[in-house]
C-alpha atoms as a PDB file:
ATOM      1  CA  UNK A   1      -8.645   3.451 -31.964  1.00  0.00           C
ATOM      2  CA  UNK A   2      -7.092   6.848 -32.524  1.00  0.00           C
ATOM      3  CA  UNK A   3      -3.857   7.847 -30.848  1.00  0.00           C
ATOM      4  CA  UNK A   4      -5.709  10.446 -28.763  1.00  0.00           C
ATOM      5  CA  UNK A   5      -8.244   7.863 -27.539  1.00  0.00           C
ATOM      6  CA  UNK A   6      -5.427   5.460 -26.674  1.00  0.00           C
ATOM      7  CA  UNK A   7      -3.655   8.120 -24.609  1.00  0.00           C
ATOM      8  CA  UNK A   8      -6.915   8.969 -22.817  1.00  0.00           C
ATOM      9  CA  UNK A   9      -7.535   5.290 -22.008  1.00  0.00           C
ATOM     10  CA  UNK A  10      -3.977   4.886 -20.714  1.00  0.00           C
ATOM     11  CA  UNK A  11      -4.329   8.001 -18.549  1.00  0.00           C
ATOM     12  CA  UNK A  12      -7.629   6.724 -17.119  1.00  0.00           C
ATOM     13  CA  UNK A  13      -6.088   3.323 -16.380  1.00  0.00           C
ATOM     14  CA  UNK A  14      -3.176   4.964 -14.580  1.00  0.00           C
ATOM     15  CA  UNK A  15      -5.447   7.249 -12.535  1.00  0.00           C
ATOM     16  CA  UNK A  16      -7.887   4.492 -11.514  1.00  0.00           C
ATOM     17  CA  UNK A  17      -5.681   2.671  -8.965  1.00  0.00           C
ATOM     18  CA  UNK A  18      -4.814   5.968  -7.285  1.00  0.00           C
ATOM     19  CA  UNK A  19      -8.453   6.364  -6.238  1.00  0.00           C
ATOM     20  CA  UNK A  20      -8.156   3.301  -3.968  1.00  0.00           C
ATOM     21  CA  UNK A  21      -7.139   3.807  -0.359  1.00  0.00           C
ATOM     22  CA  UNK A  22      -3.667   2.972   0.842  1.00  0.00           C
ATOM     23  CA  UNK A  23      -3.696   0.367   3.598  1.00  0.00           C
ATOM     24  CA  UNK A  24      -1.101  -1.463   5.659  1.00  0.00           C
ATOM     25  CA  UNK A  25      -0.840  -5.184   6.352  1.00  0.00           C
ATOM     26  CA  UNK A  26       1.360  -6.641   9.059  1.00  0.00           C
ATOM     27  CA  UNK A  27       3.192  -9.806   8.058  1.00  0.00           C
ATOM     28  CA  UNK A  28       3.720 -12.050  11.062  1.00  0.00           C
ATOM     29  CA  UNK A  29       5.925 -15.070  11.631  1.00  0.00           C
ATOM     30  CA  UNK A  30       5.782 -16.969  14.922  1.00  0.00           C
ATOM     31  CA  UNK A  31       3.751 -14.134  16.501  1.00  0.00           C
ATOM     32  CA  UNK A  32       6.215 -11.395  15.562  1.00  0.00           C
ATOM     33  CA  UNK A  33       5.718  -8.719  12.901  1.00  0.00           C
ATOM     34  CA  UNK A  34       8.446  -9.247  10.315  1.00  0.00           C
ATOM     35  CA  UNK A  35       7.280  -6.754   7.680  1.00  0.00           C
ATOM     36  CA  UNK A  36       4.595  -4.186   6.937  1.00  0.00           C
ATOM     37  CA  UNK A  37       3.134  -4.103   3.446  1.00  0.00           C
ATOM     38  CA  UNK A  38       1.828  -0.829   2.064  1.00  0.00           C
ATOM     39  CA  UNK A  39      -1.027  -1.727  -0.277  1.00  0.00           C
ATOM     40  CA  UNK A  40      -3.271   0.176  -2.661  1.00  0.00           C
ATOM     41  CA  UNK A  41      -6.212  -2.108  -3.321  1.00  0.00           C
ATOM     42  CA  UNK A  42      -4.621  -5.412  -4.375  1.00  0.00           C
ATOM     43  CA  UNK A  43      -1.356  -3.752  -5.480  1.00  0.00           C
ATOM     44  CA  UNK A  44       1.720  -4.029  -3.240  1.00  0.00           C
ATOM     45  CA  UNK A  45       3.417  -0.624  -3.181  1.00  0.00           C
ATOM     46  CA  UNK A  46       6.336  -1.278  -0.845  1.00  0.00           C
ATOM     47  CA  UNK A  47       7.551  -3.169   2.204  1.00  0.00           C
ATOM     48  CA  UNK A  48       8.360  -1.290   5.396  1.00  0.00           C
ATOM     49  CA  UNK A  49      10.668  -2.751   8.038  1.00  0.00           C
ATOM     50  CA  UNK A  50       8.816  -2.888  11.389  1.00  0.00           C
ATOM     51  CA  UNK A  51      11.875  -1.662  13.317  1.00  0.00           C
ATOM     52  CA  UNK A  52      12.370   1.413  11.128  1.00  0.00           C
ATOM     53  CA  UNK A  53      11.066   4.761  12.396  1.00  0.00           C
ATOM     54  CA  UNK A  54       8.176   4.638   9.932  1.00  0.00           C
ATOM     55  CA  UNK A  55       7.397   1.023  10.819  1.00  0.00           C
ATOM     56  CA  UNK A  56       7.305   1.853  14.536  1.00  0.00           C
ATOM     57  CA  UNK A  57       4.930   4.767  13.871  1.00  0.00           C
ATOM     58  CA  UNK A  58       2.562   2.564  11.843  1.00  0.00           C
ATOM     59  CA  UNK A  59       2.591  -0.211  14.450  1.00  0.00           C
ATOM     60  CA  UNK A  60       1.948   2.320  17.238  1.00  0.00           C
ATOM     61  CA  UNK A  61      -1.182   3.497  15.404  1.00  0.00           C
ATOM     62  CA  UNK A  62      -2.511  -0.056  15.225  1.00  0.00           C
ATOM     63  CA  UNK A  63      -1.696  -0.787  18.887  1.00  0.00           C
ATOM     64  CA  UNK A  64      -3.587   2.288  20.136  1.00  0.00           C
ATOM     65  CA  UNK A  65      -6.546   1.643  17.797  1.00  0.00           C
ATOM     66  CA  UNK A  66      -6.867  -2.032  18.733  1.00  0.00           C
END
């Protein structure tokens, strides 16, 4: 495989996961949300604390939608 083809394949592989939607998963323990996972497909992007400003905003969206 040429160097140019390798770079193109690497670029395509990097761009592919970005096409998947970002979703949020609440992690619960004993009925209480202990963490919020930001996911892109099967990839864990980051963990958000549920008591942070961002965590409260995300949880409020789920409470009004549910």
